[in-house]
Amino acid sequence: MLKLRDDIKIYVSADPIDARKSIDSLCAVIIDKFIDNPQCGNLFIFFNKSRDKVKIIWWDVNGFVLHYKRLEKGRFVLPKLNTMDRLEISQTQLHGLLAGLDFSLMRHYPEINYYQYA
């Protein structure tokens, strides 16, 4: 499970990529398609065409971090992104997505603090 700062944005690419792309190639996609700085600290998520592989890239202080996950069975569930180049999701949705759930049905629920009611 990834633990991220609250100010980090998480973007999912609408277009599939070649899963063989390296960090440098993914950075080029971020610059060209997202018109964003790969070193901004945000997470960028890319899927292959068959949606059984995902690559997550972000800049962490002094270098790029690349996470790669390949599903042995099943496919990652993504919503239709017809008119967008990317979709911004929450950390809760990211964890659901990586678990293979339909993250578009997931919302961020506020944490309950029981001590506040005592």
PDB file of N, CA and C in Angstrom:
ATOM      1  N   MET A   1       0.840  -1.164   0.000  1.00  0.00           N
ATOM      2  CA  MET A   1       0.000   0.000   0.000  1.00  0.00           C
ATOM      3  C   MET A   1       0.891   1.234   0.000  1.00  0.00           C
ATOM      4  N   LEU A   2       0.534   2.223  -0.814  1.00  0.00           N
ATOM      5  CA  LEU A   2       1.279   3.462  -0.887  1.00  0.00           C
ATOM      6  C   LEU A   2       0.727   4.463   0.118  1.00  0.00           C
ATOM      7  N   LYS A   3       1.600   5.067   0.883  1.00  0.00           N
ATOM      8  CA  LYS A   3       1.185   6.133   1.797  1.00  0.00           C
ATOM      9  C   LYS A   3       1.743   7.430   1.250  1.00  0.00           C
ATOM     10  N   LEU A   4       0.856   8.339   0.895  1.00  0.00           N
ATOM     11  CA  LEU A   4       1.253   9.575   0.228  1.00  0.00           C
ATOM     12  C   LEU A   4       0.863  10.786   1.056  1.00  0.00           C
ATOM     13  N   ARG A   5       1.547  11.884   0.816  1.00  0.00           N
ATOM     14  CA  ARG A   5       1.161  13.143   1.451  1.00  0.00           C
ATOM     15  C   ARG A   5      -0.223  13.558   0.941  1.00  0.00           C
ATOM     16  N   ASP A   6      -0.947  14.316   1.721  1.00  0.00           N
ATOM     17  CA  ASP A   6      -2.304  14.731   1.350  1.00  0.00           C
ATOM     18  C   ASP A   6      -2.337  15.695   0.173  1.00  0.00           C
ATOM     19  N   ASP A   7      -1.256  16.436  -0.054  1.00  0.00           N
ATOM     20  CA  ASP A   7      -1.260  17.437  -1.126  1.00  0.00           C
ATOM     21  C   ASP A   7      -0.881  16.869  -2.498  1.00  0.00           C
ATOM     22  N   ILE A   8      -0.570  15.592  -2.569  1.00  0.00           N
ATOM     23  CA  ILE A   8      -0.191  14.979  -3.846  1.00  0.00           C
ATOM     24  C   ILE A   8      -1.440  14.679  -4.669  1.00  0.00           C
ATOM     25  N   LYS A   9      -1.390  15.034  -5.944  1.00  0.00           N
ATOM     26  CA  LYS A   9      -2.488  14.721  -6.858  1.00  0.00           C
ATOM     27  C   LYS A   9      -2.155  13.427  -7.588  1.00  0.00           C
ATOM     28  N   ILE A  10      -3.208  12.670  -7.905  1.00  0.00           N
ATOM     29  CA  ILE A  10      -3.040  11.381  -8.574  1.00  0.00           C
ATOM     30  C   ILE A  10      -3.808  11.425  -9.883  1.00  0.00           C
ATOM     31  N   TYR A  11      -3.093  11.227 -10.991  1.00  0.00           N
ATOM     32  CA  TYR A  11      -3.699  11.308 -12.312  1.00  0.00           C
ATOM     33  C   TYR A  11      -3.629   9.954 -13.019  1.00  0.00           C
ATOM     34  N   VAL A  12      -4.748   9.558 -13.623  1.00  0.00           N
ATOM     35  CA  VAL A  12      -4.824   8.336 -14.416  1.00  0.00           C
ATOM     36  C   VAL A  12      -4.881   8.734 -15.880  1.00  0.00           C
ATOM     37  N   SER A  13      -4.007   8.166 -16.689  1.00  0.00           N
ATOM     38  CA  SER A  13      -4.001   8.447 -18.126  1.00  0.00           C
ATOM     39  C   SER A  13      -5.159   7.721 -18.801  1.00  0.00           C
ATOM     40  N   ALA A  14      -5.851   8.430 -19.690  1.00  0.00           N
ATOM     41  CA  ALA A  14      -6.980   7.848 -20.420  1.00  0.00           C
ATOM     42  C   ALA A  14      -6.508   6.927 -21.540  1.00  0.00           C
ATOM     43  N   ASP A  15      -5.336   7.191 -22.084  1.00  0.00           N
ATOM     44  CA  ASP A  15      -4.831   6.416 -23.213  1.00  0.00           C
ATOM     45  C   ASP A  15      -3.889   5.311 -22.741  1.00  0.00           C
ATOM     46  N   PRO A  16      -4.025   4.121 -23.302  1.00  0.00           N
ATOM     47  CA  PRO A  16      -3.112   3.033 -22.921  1.00  0.00           C
ATOM     48  C   PRO A  16      -1.698   3.308 -23.427  1.00  0.00           C
ATOM     49  N   ILE A  17      -0.746   2.710 -22.745  1.00  0.00           N
ATOM     50  CA  ILE A  17       0.662   2.842 -23.138  1.00  0.00           C
ATOM     51  C   ILE A  17       1.235   1.465 -23.430  1.00  0.00           C
ATOM     52  N   ASP A  18       2.385   1.447 -24.051  1.00  0.00           N
ATOM     53  CA  ASP A  18       3.169   0.228 -24.213  1.00  0.00           C
ATOM     54  C   ASP A  18       3.800  -0.049 -22.844  1.00  0.00           C
ATOM     55  N   ALA A  19       3.508  -1.185 -22.254  1.00  0.00           N
ATOM     56  CA  ALA A  19       3.971  -1.501 -20.901  1.00  0.00           C
ATOM     57  C   ALA A  19       5.489  -1.610 -20.809  1.00  0.00           C
ATOM     58  N   ARG A  20       6.175  -1.622 -21.944  1.00  0.00           N
ATOM     59  CA  ARG A  20       7.642  -1.688 -21.927  1.00  0.00           C
ATOM     60  C   ARG A  20       8.279  -0.318 -21.747  1.00  0.00           C
ATOM     61  N   LYS A  21       7.472   0.741 -21.701  1.00  0.00           N
ATOM     62  CA  LYS A  21       8.024   2.090 -21.564  1.00  0.00           C
ATOM     63  C   LYS A  21       8.802   2.228 -20.256  1.00  0.00           C
ATOM     64  N   SER A  22       9.904   2.959 -20.362  1.00  0.00           N
ATOM     65  CA  SER A  22      10.761   3.195 -19.208  1.00  0.00           C
ATOM     66  C   SER A  22      10.367   4.514 -18.532  1.00  0.00           C
ATOM     67  N   ILE A  23      11.080   4.860 -17.492  1.00  0.00           N
ATOM     68  CA  ILE A  23      10.834   6.116 -16.784  1.00  0.00           C
ATOM     69  C   ILE A  23      10.962   7.297 -17.735  1.00  0.00           C
ATOM     70  N   ASP A  24      12.009   7.321 -18.551  1.00  0.00           N
ATOM     71  CA  ASP A  24      12.212   8.440 -19.469  1.00  0.00           C
ATOM     72  C   ASP A  24      11.074   8.563 -20.478  1.00  0.00           C
ATOM     73  N   SER A  25      10.593   7.450 -20.998  1.00  0.00           N
ATOM     74  CA  SER A  25       9.481   7.473 -21.951  1.00  0.00           C
ATOM     75  C   SER A  25       8.195   7.935 -21.289  1.00  0.00           C
ATOM     76  N   LEU A  26       7.956   7.513 -20.059  1.00  0.00           N
ATOM     77  CA  LEU A  26       6.764   7.946 -19.334  1.00  0.00           C
ATOM     78  C   LEU A  26       6.838   9.440 -19.009  1.00  0.00           C
ATOM     79  N   CYS A  27       8.022   9.922 -18.688  1.00  0.00           N
ATOM     80  CA  CYS A  27       8.189  11.365 -18.457  1.00  0.00           C
ATOM     81  C   CYS A  27       7.859  12.158 -19.717  1.00  0.00           C
ATOM     82  N   ALA A  28       8.243  11.646 -20.868  1.00  0.00           N
ATOM     83  CA  ALA A  28       7.924  12.305 -22.133  1.00  0.00           C
ATOM     84  C   ALA A  28       6.412  12.362 -22.356  1.00  0.00           C
ATOM     85  N   VAL A  29       5.714  11.289 -21.995  1.00  0.00           N
ATOM     86  CA  VAL A  29       4.251  11.276 -22.110  1.00  0.00           C
ATOM     87  C   VAL A  29       3.634  12.321 -21.175  1.00  0.00           C
ATOM     88  N   ILE A  30       4.154  12.416 -19.957  1.00  0.00           N
ATOM     89  CA  ILE A  30       3.648  13.402 -18.993  1.00  0.00           C
ATOM     90  C   ILE A  30       3.825  14.815 -19.536  1.00  0.00           C
ATOM     91  N   ILE A  31       4.974  15.089 -20.123  1.00  0.00           N
ATOM     92  CA  ILE A  31       5.245  16.419 -20.675  1.00  0.00           C
ATOM     93  C   ILE A  31       4.383  16.692 -21.897  1.00  0.00           C
ATOM     94  N   ASP A  32       4.302  15.733 -22.820  1.00  0.00           N
ATOM     95  CA  ASP A  32       3.588  15.942 -24.088  1.00  0.00           C
ATOM     96  C   ASP A  32       2.073  15.908 -23.945  1.00  0.00           C
ATOM     97  N   LYS A  33       1.543  14.910 -23.237  1.00  0.00           N
ATOM     98  CA  LYS A  33       0.090  14.740 -23.153  1.00  0.00           C
ATOM     99  C   LYS A  33      -0.536  15.526 -22.012  1.00  0.00           C
ATOM    100  N   PHE A  34       0.089  15.449 -20.853  1.00  0.00           N
ATOM    101  CA  PHE A  34      -0.485  16.101 -19.677  1.00  0.00           C
ATOM    102  C   PHE A  34      -0.075  17.559 -19.568  1.00  0.00           C
ATOM    103  N   ILE A  35       0.953  17.936 -20.320  1.00  0.00           N
ATOM    104  CA  ILE A  35       1.541  19.277 -20.234  1.00  0.00           C
ATOM    105  C   ILE A  35       1.813  19.593 -18.761  1.00  0.00           C
ATOM    106  N   ASP A  36       2.556  18.712 -18.150  1.00  0.00           N
ATOM    107  CA  ASP A  36       2.862  18.815 -16.732  1.00  0.00           C
ATOM    108  C   ASP A  36       4.338  18.526 -16.518  1.00  0.00           C
ATOM    109  N   ASN A  37       4.846  18.881 -15.366  1.00  0.00           N
ATOM    110  CA  ASN A  37       6.238  18.649 -15.009  1.00  0.00           C
ATOM    111  C   ASN A  37       6.335  17.301 -14.293  1.00  0.00           C
ATOM    112  N   PRO A  38       7.080  16.346 -14.830  1.00  0.00           N
ATOM    113  CA  PRO A  38       7.191  15.034 -14.172  1.00  0.00           C
ATOM    114  C   PRO A  38       7.795  15.114 -12.772  1.00  0.00           C
ATOM    115  N   GLN A  39       8.522  16.198 -12.473  1.00  0.00           N
ATOM    116  CA  GLN A  39       9.162  16.337 -11.171  1.00  0.00           C
ATOM    117  C   GLN A  39       8.310  17.122 -10.171  1.00  0.00           C
ATOM    118  N   CYS A  40       7.024  17.280 -10.455  1.00  0.00           N
ATOM    119  CA  CYS A  40       6.151  18.066  -9.579  1.00  0.00           C
ATOM    120  C   CYS A  40       5.768  17.308  -8.305  1.00  0.00           C
ATOM    121  N   GLY A  41       6.006  16.000  -8.257  1.00  0.00           N
ATOM    122  CA  GLY A  41       5.678  15.214  -7.074  1.00  0.00           C
ATOM    123  C   GLY A  41       4.345  14.504  -7.156  1.00  0.00           C
ATOM    124  N   ASN A  42       3.556  14.794  -8.182  1.00  0.00           N
ATOM    125  CA  ASN A  42       2.275  14.112  -8.353  1.00  0.00           C
ATOM    126  C   ASN A  42       2.486  12.712  -8.912  1.00  0.00           C
ATOM    127  N   LEU A  43       1.504  11.836  -8.705  1.00  0.00           N
ATOM    128  CA  LEU A  43       1.555  10.473  -9.241  1.00  0.00           C
ATOM    129  C   LEU A  43       0.871  10.439 -10.592  1.00  0.00           C
ATOM    130  N   PHE A  44       1.477   9.727 -11.527  1.00  0.00           N
ATOM    131  CA  PHE A  44       0.910   9.549 -12.856  1.00  0.00           C
ATOM    132  C   PHE A  44       0.771   8.049 -13.088  1.00  0.00           C
ATOM    133  N   ILE A  45      -0.448   7.619 -13.445  1.00  0.00           N
ATOM    134  CA  ILE A  45      -0.758   6.201 -13.574  1.00  0.00           C
ATOM    135  C   ILE A  45      -1.059   5.882 -15.032  1.00  0.00           C
ATOM    136  N   PHE A  46      -0.423   4.817 -15.528  1.00  0.00           N
ATOM    137  CA  PHE A  46      -0.583   4.400 -16.917  1.00  0.00           C
ATOM    138  C   PHE A  46      -0.908   2.914 -16.971  1.00  0.00           C
ATOM    139  N   PHE A  47      -1.833   2.556 -17.870  1.00  0.00           N
ATOM    140  CA  PHE A  47      -2.207   1.157 -18.076  1.00  0.00           C
ATOM    141  C   PHE A  47      -1.865   0.748 -19.494  1.00  0.00           C
ATOM    142  N   ASN A  48      -1.645  -0.558 -19.669  1.00  0.00           N
ATOM    143  CA  ASN A  48      -1.458  -1.072 -21.024  1.00  0.00           C
ATOM    144  C   ASN A  48      -2.835  -1.276 -21.660  1.00  0.00           C
ATOM    145  N   LYS A  49      -2.845  -1.633 -22.929  1.00  0.00           N
ATOM    146  CA  LYS A  49      -4.102  -1.747 -23.669  1.00  0.00           C
ATOM    147  C   LYS A  49      -5.023  -2.813 -23.089  1.00  0.00           C
ATOM    148  N   SER A  50      -4.475  -3.925 -22.667  1.00  0.00           N
ATOM    149  CA  SER A  50      -5.315  -4.999 -22.132  1.00  0.00           C
ATOM    150  C   SER A  50      -5.665  -4.793 -20.652  1.00  0.00           C
ATOM    151  N   ARG A  51      -5.143  -3.732 -20.031  1.00  0.00           N
ATOM    152  CA  ARG A  51      -5.433  -3.342 -18.652  1.00  0.00           C
ATOM    153  C   ARG A  51      -5.094  -4.423 -17.620  1.00  0.00           C
ATOM    154  N   ASP A  52      -4.046  -5.191 -17.904  1.00  0.00           N
ATOM    155  CA  ASP A  52      -3.586  -6.137 -16.898  1.00  0.00           C
ATOM    156  C   ASP A  52      -2.248  -5.707 -16.293  1.00  0.00           C
ATOM    157  N   LYS A  53      -1.734  -4.584 -16.769  1.00  0.00           N
ATOM    158  CA  LYS A  53      -0.480  -4.031 -16.244  1.00  0.00           C
ATOM    159  C   LYS A  53      -0.670  -2.547 -15.961  1.00  0.00           C
ATOM    160  N   VAL A  54      -0.066  -2.091 -14.873  1.00  0.00           N
ATOM    161  CA  VAL A  54      -0.129  -0.678 -14.504  1.00  0.00           C
ATOM    162  C   VAL A  54       1.275  -0.220 -14.108  1.00  0.00           C
ATOM    163  N   LYS A  55       1.600   1.010 -14.492  1.00  0.00           N
ATOM    164  CA  LYS A  55       2.846   1.649 -14.067  1.00  0.00           C
ATOM    165  C   LYS A  55       2.485   2.981 -13.428  1.00  0.00           C
ATOM    166  N   ILE A  56       3.078   3.222 -12.272  1.00  0.00           N
ATOM    167  CA  ILE A  56       2.868   4.465 -11.533  1.00  0.00           C
ATOM    168  C   ILE A  56       4.228   5.123 -11.391  1.00  0.00           C
ATOM    169  N   ILE A  57       4.304   6.386 -11.754  1.00  0.00           N
ATOM    170  CA  ILE A  57       5.579   7.106 -11.684  1.00  0.00           C
ATOM    171  C   ILE A  57       5.384   8.416 -10.924  1.00  0.00           C
ATOM    172  N   TRP A  58       6.365   8.752 -10.098  1.00  0.00           N
ATOM    173  CA  TRP A  58       6.386  10.062  -9.461  1.00  0.00           C
ATOM    174  C   TRP A  58       7.807  10.400  -9.037  1.00  0.00           C
ATOM    175  N   TRP A  59       8.021  11.689  -8.801  1.00  0.00           N
ATOM    176  CA  TRP A  59       9.310  12.199  -8.360  1.00  0.00           C
ATOM    177  C   TRP A  59       9.309  12.241  -6.841  1.00  0.00           C
ATOM    178  N   ASP A  60      10.359  11.688  -6.230  1.00  0.00           N
ATOM    179  CA  ASP A  60      10.478  11.682  -4.774  1.00  0.00           C
ATOM    180  C   ASP A  60      11.823  12.261  -4.386  1.00  0.00           C
ATOM    181  N   VAL A  61      11.869  13.505  -4.026  1.00  0.00           N
ATOM    182  CA  VAL A  61      13.019  14.258  -3.527  1.00  0.00           C
ATOM    183  C   VAL A  61      14.208  14.284  -4.489  1.00  0.00           C
ATOM    184  N   ASN A  62      14.806  13.132  -4.771  1.00  0.00           N
ATOM    185  CA  ASN A  62      16.024  13.137  -5.577  1.00  0.00           C
ATOM    186  C   ASN A  62      16.025  12.112  -6.712  1.00  0.00           C
ATOM    187  N   GLY A  63      14.846  11.613  -7.067  1.00  0.00           N
ATOM    188  CA  GLY A  63      14.787  10.659  -8.166  1.00  0.00           C
ATOM    189  C   GLY A  63      13.368  10.174  -8.414  1.00  0.00           C
ATOM    190  N   PHE A  64      13.194   9.516  -9.546  1.00  0.00           N
ATOM    191  CA  PHE A  64      11.884   8.989  -9.915  1.00  0.00           C
ATOM    192  C   PHE A  64      11.655   7.637  -9.248  1.00  0.00           C
ATOM    193  N   VAL A  65      10.393   7.392  -8.885  1.00  0.00           N
ATOM    194  CA  VAL A  65       9.959   6.108  -8.349  1.00  0.00           C
ATOM    195  C   VAL A  65       9.002   5.516  -9.371  1.00  0.00           C
ATOM    196  N   LEU A  66       9.197   4.247  -9.687  1.00  0.00           N
ATOM    197  CA  LEU A  66       8.339   3.560 -10.643  1.00  0.00           C
ATOM    198  C   LEU A  66       7.774   2.309  -9.989  1.00  0.00           C
ATOM    199  N   HIS A  67       6.462   2.254  -9.883  1.00  0.00           N
ATOM    200  CA  HIS A  67       5.782   1.048  -9.395  1.00  0.00           C
ATOM    201  C   HIS A  67       5.177   0.353 -10.603  1.00  0.00           C
ATOM    202  N   TYR A  68       5.253  -0.969 -10.589  1.00  0.00           N
ATOM    203  CA  TYR A  68       4.721  -1.773 -11.687  1.00  0.00           C
ATOM    204  C   TYR A  68       3.937  -2.928 -11.082  1.00  0.00           C
ATOM    205  N   LYS A  69       2.724  -3.133 -11.581  1.00  0.00           N
ATOM    206  CA  LYS A  69       1.931  -4.268 -11.124  1.00  0.00           C
ATOM    207  C   LYS A  69       1.337  -4.961 -12.329  1.00  0.00           C
ATOM    208  N   ARG A  70       1.442  -6.291 -12.320  1.00  0.00           N
ATOM    209  CA  ARG A  70       0.860  -7.124 -13.377  1.00  0.00           C
ATOM    210  C   ARG A  70      -0.127  -8.079 -12.723  1.00  0.00           C
ATOM    211  N   LEU A  71      -1.365  -8.044 -13.191  1.00  0.00           N
ATOM    212  CA  LEU A  71      -2.366  -8.979 -12.686  1.00  0.00           C
ATOM    213  C   LEU A  71      -2.214 -10.317 -13.391  1.00  0.00           C
ATOM    214  N   GLU A  72      -2.232 -11.379 -12.638  1.00  0.00           N
ATOM    215  CA  GLU A  72      -2.133 -12.708 -13.217  1.00  0.00           C
ATOM    216  C   GLU A  72      -3.479 -13.172 -13.755  1.00  0.00           C
ATOM    217  N   LYS A  73      -4.561 -12.709 -13.139  1.00  0.00           N
ATOM    218  CA  LYS A  73      -5.915 -13.002 -13.607  1.00  0.00           C
ATOM    219  C   LYS A  73      -6.727 -11.725 -13.496  1.00  0.00           C
ATOM    220  N   GLY A  74      -7.608 -11.499 -14.445  1.00  0.00           N
ATOM    221  CA  GLY A  74      -8.480 -10.337 -14.388  1.00  0.00           C
ATOM    222  C   GLY A  74      -7.859  -9.107 -15.020  1.00  0.00           C
ATOM    223  N   ARG A  75      -8.591  -8.014 -14.941  1.00  0.00           N
ATOM    224  CA  ARG A  75      -8.188  -6.738 -15.531  1.00  0.00           C
ATOM    225  C   ARG A  75      -8.479  -5.614 -14.543  1.00  0.00           C
ATOM    226  N   PHE A  76      -7.716  -4.538 -14.635  1.00  0.00           N
ATOM    227  CA  PHE A  76      -8.013  -3.351 -13.848  1.00  0.00           C
ATOM    228  C   PHE A  76      -9.290  -2.723 -14.402  1.00  0.00           C
ATOM    229  N   VAL A  77     -10.138  -2.247 -13.500  1.00  0.00           N
ATOM    230  CA  VAL A  77     -11.413  -1.647 -13.893  1.00  0.00           C
ATOM    231  C   VAL A  77     -11.229  -0.142 -13.984  1.00  0.00           C
ATOM    232  N   LEU A  78     -11.497   0.408 -15.174  1.00  0.00           N
ATOM    233  CA  LEU A  78     -11.386   1.850 -15.401  1.00  0.00           C
ATOM    234  C   LEU A  78     -12.694   2.379 -15.951  1.00  0.00           C
ATOM    235  N   PRO A  79     -13.061   3.599 -15.559  1.00  0.00           N
ATOM    236  CA  PRO A  79     -14.257   4.191 -16.154  1.00  0.00           C
ATOM    237  C   PRO A  79     -13.953   4.652 -17.577  1.00  0.00           C
ATOM    238  N   LYS A  80     -14.972   4.918 -18.348  1.00  0.00           N
ATOM    239  CA  LYS A  80     -14.791   5.454 -19.702  1.00  0.00           C
ATOM    240  C   LYS A  80     -14.299   6.893 -19.591  1.00  0.00           C
ATOM    241  N   LEU A  81     -13.218   7.178 -20.258  1.00  0.00           N
ATOM    242  CA  LEU A  81     -12.641   8.525 -20.233  1.00  0.00           C
ATOM    243  C   LEU A  81     -12.642   9.101 -21.652  1.00  0.00           C
ATOM    244  N   ASN A  82     -13.810   9.205 -22.231  1.00  0.00           N
ATOM    245  CA  ASN A  82     -13.931   9.588 -23.635  1.00  0.00           C
ATOM    246  C   ASN A  82     -13.397  10.985 -23.946  1.00  0.00           C
ATOM    247  N   THR A  83     -13.691  11.956 -23.115  1.00  0.00           N
ATOM    248  CA  THR A  83     -13.362  13.337 -23.444  1.00  0.00           C
ATOM    249  C   THR A  83     -12.155  13.873 -22.689  1.00  0.00           C
ATOM    250  N   MET A  84     -11.540  13.060 -21.835  1.00  0.00           N
ATOM    251  CA  MET A  84     -10.429  13.540 -21.014  1.00  0.00           C
ATOM    252  C   MET A  84      -9.125  12.847 -21.379  1.00  0.00           C
ATOM    253  N   ASP A  85      -8.034  13.567 -21.199  1.00  0.00           N
ATOM    254  CA  ASP A  85      -6.716  12.965 -21.343  1.00  0.00           C
ATOM    255  C   ASP A  85      -6.310  12.252 -20.065  1.00  0.00           C
ATOM    256  N   ARG A  86      -6.818  12.774 -18.943  1.00  0.00           N
ATOM    257  CA  ARG A  86      -6.484  12.189 -17.646  1.00  0.00           C
ATOM    258  C   ARG A  86      -7.629  12.402 -16.678  1.00  0.00           C
ATOM    259  N   LEU A  87      -7.611  11.607 -15.621  1.00  0.00           N
ATOM    260  CA  LEU A  87      -8.624  11.678 -14.578  1.00  0.00           C
ATOM    261  C   LEU A  87      -7.904  11.802 -13.248  1.00  0.00           C
ATOM    262  N   GLU A  88      -8.334  12.734 -12.420  1.00  0.00           N
ATOM    263  CA  GLU A  88      -7.752  12.863 -11.087  1.00  0.00           C
ATOM    264  C   GLU A  88      -8.553  12.012 -10.115  1.00  0.00           C
ATOM    265  N   ILE A  89      -7.854  11.205  -9.319  1.00  0.00           N
ATOM    266  CA  ILE A  89      -8.513  10.333  -8.354  1.00  0.00           C
ATOM    267  C   ILE A  89      -7.930  10.575  -6.964  1.00  0.00           C
ATOM    268  N   SER A  90      -8.619  10.049  -5.956  1.00  0.00           N
ATOM    269  CA  SER A  90      -8.174  10.178  -4.566  1.00  0.00           C
ATOM    270  C   SER A  90      -7.270   8.995  -4.194  1.00  0.00           C
ATOM    271  N   GLN A  91      -6.642   9.097  -3.021  1.00  0.00           N
ATOM    272  CA  GLN A  91      -5.808   7.987  -2.542  1.00  0.00           C
ATOM    273  C   GLN A  91      -6.650   6.740  -2.272  1.00  0.00           C
ATOM    274  N   THR A  92      -7.859   6.939  -1.767  1.00  0.00           N
ATOM    275  CA  THR A  92      -8.764   5.815  -1.528  1.00  0.00           C
ATOM    276  C   THR A  92      -9.072   5.108  -2.838  1.00  0.00           C
ATOM    277  N   GLN A  93      -9.350   5.882  -3.879  1.00  0.00           N
ATOM    278  CA  GLN A  93      -9.633   5.306  -5.191  1.00  0.00           C
ATOM    279  C   GLN A  93      -8.405   4.611  -5.755  1.00  0.00           C
ATOM    280  N   LEU A  94      -7.215   5.166  -5.520  1.00  0.00           N
ATOM    281  CA  LEU A  94      -5.977   4.531  -5.978  1.00  0.00           C
ATOM    282  C   LEU A  94      -5.832   3.146  -5.362  1.00  0.00           C
ATOM    283  N   HIS A  95      -6.054   3.031  -4.061  1.00  0.00           N
ATOM    284  CA  HIS A  95      -5.915   1.736  -3.400  1.00  0.00           C
ATOM    285  C   HIS A  95      -6.959   0.750  -3.907  1.00  0.00           C
ATOM    286  N   GLY A  96      -8.162   1.227  -4.148  1.00  0.00           N
ATOM    287  CA  GLY A  96      -9.196   0.360  -4.719  1.00  0.00           C
ATOM    288  C   GLY A  96      -8.842  -0.083  -6.115  1.00  0.00           C
ATOM    289  N   LEU A  97      -8.330   0.846  -6.908  1.00  0.00           N
ATOM    290  CA  LEU A  97      -7.921   0.541  -8.279  1.00  0.00           C
ATOM    291  C   LEU A  97      -6.848  -0.531  -8.302  1.00  0.00           C
ATOM    292  N   LEU A  98      -5.830  -0.380  -7.474  1.00  0.00           N
ATOM    293  CA  LEU A  98      -4.740  -1.351  -7.435  1.00  0.00           C
ATOM    294  C   LEU A  98      -5.188  -2.709  -6.888  1.00  0.00           C
ATOM    295  N   ALA A  99      -6.284  -2.713  -6.114  1.00  0.00           N
ATOM    296  CA  ALA A  99      -6.830  -3.967  -5.605  1.00  0.00           C
ATOM    297  C   ALA A  99      -7.734  -4.644  -6.629  1.00  0.00           C
ATOM    298  N   GLY A 100      -8.007  -3.953  -7.741  1.00  0.00           N
ATOM    299  CA  GLY A 100      -8.850  -4.531  -8.782  1.00  0.00           C
ATOM    300  C   GLY A 100     -10.315  -4.168  -8.655  1.00  0.00           C
ATOM    301  N   LEU A 101     -10.636  -3.205  -7.798  1.00  0.00           N
ATOM    302  CA  LEU A 101     -12.024  -2.790  -7.605  1.00  0.00           C
ATOM    303  C   LEU A 101     -12.400  -1.693  -8.597  1.00  0.00           C
ATOM    304  N   ASP A 102     -13.693  -1.461  -8.753  1.00  0.00           N
ATOM    305  CA  ASP A 102     -14.177  -0.368  -9.595  1.00  0.00           C
ATOM    306  C   ASP A 102     -14.063   0.914  -8.789  1.00  0.00           C
ATOM    307  N   PHE A 103     -12.971   1.634  -8.947  1.00  0.00           N
ATOM    308  CA  PHE A 103     -12.688   2.788  -8.111  1.00  0.00           C
ATOM    309  C   PHE A 103     -13.640   3.950  -8.362  1.00  0.00           C
ATOM    310  N   SER A 104     -14.341   3.957  -9.486  1.00  0.00           N
ATOM    311  CA  SER A 104     -15.265   5.061  -9.754  1.00  0.00           C
ATOM    312  C   SER A 104     -16.455   5.021  -8.798  1.00  0.00           C
ATOM    313  N   LEU A 105     -16.715   3.869  -8.177  1.00  0.00           N
ATOM    314  CA  LEU A 105     -17.803   3.757  -7.208  1.00  0.00           C
ATOM    315  C   LEU A 105     -17.359   4.152  -5.805  1.00  0.00           C
ATOM    316  N   MET A 106     -16.061   4.328  -5.625  1.00  0.00           N
ATOM    317  CA  MET A 106     -15.525   4.632  -4.300  1.00  0.00           C
ATOM    318  C   MET A 106     -15.452   6.133  -4.091  1.00  0.00           C
ATOM    319  N   ARG A 107     -15.830   6.564  -2.895  1.00  0.00           N
ATOM    320  CA  ARG A 107     -15.736   7.964  -2.530  1.00  0.00           C
ATOM    321  C   ARG A 107     -14.908   8.070  -1.265  1.00  0.00           C
ATOM    322  N   HIS A 108     -14.438   9.282  -0.999  1.00  0.00           N
ATOM    323  CA  HIS A 108     -13.691   9.512   0.234  1.00  0.00           C
ATOM    324  C   HIS A 108     -14.693   9.774   1.350  1.00  0.00           C
ATOM    325  N   TYR A 109     -14.645   8.940   2.371  1.00  0.00           N
ATOM    326  CA  TYR A 109     -15.502   9.138   3.525  1.00  0.00           C
ATOM    327  C   TYR A 109     -14.678   9.771   4.636  1.00  0.00           C
ATOM    328  N   PRO A 110     -15.251  10.756   5.329  1.00  0.00           N
ATOM    329  CA  PRO A 110     -14.487  11.411   6.399  1.00  0.00           C
ATOM    330  C   PRO A 110     -14.200  10.430   7.545  1.00  0.00           C
ATOM    331  N   GLU A 111     -13.050  10.590   8.142  1.00  0.00           N
ATOM    332  CA  GLU A 111     -12.672   9.740   9.268  1.00  0.00           C
ATOM    333  C   GLU A 111     -13.490  10.152  10.481  1.00  0.00           C
ATOM    334  N   ILE A 112     -13.976   9.163  11.206  1.00  0.00           N
ATOM    335  CA  ILE A 112     -14.775   9.434  12.398  1.00  0.00           C
ATOM    336  C   ILE A 112     -13.852   9.477  13.600  1.00  0.00           C
ATOM    337  N   ASN A 113     -13.979  10.526  14.385  1.00  0.00           N
ATOM    338  CA  ASN A 113     -13.185  10.679  15.591  1.00  0.00           C
ATOM    339  C   ASN A 113     -14.125  10.513  16.788  1.00  0.00           C
ATOM    340  N   TYR A 114     -14.113   9.341  17.422  1.00  0.00           N
ATOM    341  CA  TYR A 114     -15.033   9.062  18.515  1.00  0.00           C
ATOM    342  C   TYR A 114     -14.748   9.911  19.749  1.00  0.00           C
ATOM    343  N   TYR A 115     -13.514  10.346  19.921  1.00  0.00           N
ATOM    344  CA  TYR A 115     -13.165  11.149  21.089  1.00  0.00           C
ATOM    345  C   TYR A 115     -13.805  12.525  21.040  1.00  0.00           C
ATOM    346  N   GLN A 116     -14.119  12.981  19.875  1.00  0.00           N
ATOM    347  CA  GLN A 116     -14.714  14.305  19.712  1.00  0.00           C
ATOM    348  C   GLN A 116     -16.139  14.325  20.290  1.00  0.00           C
ATOM    349  N   TYR A 117     -16.811  13.167  20.386  1.00  0.00           N
ATOM    350  CA  TYR A 117     -18.179  13.099  20.878  1.00  0.00           C
ATOM    351  C   TYR A 117     -18.257  12.759  22.374  1.00  0.00           C
ATOM    352  N   ALA A 118     -17.123  12.521  22.994  1.00  0.00           N
ATOM    353  CA  ALA A 118     -17.130  12.105  24.410  1.00  0.00           C
ATOM    354  C   ALA A 118     -17.363  13.271  25.344  1.00  0.00           C
TER     355      ALA A 118
END
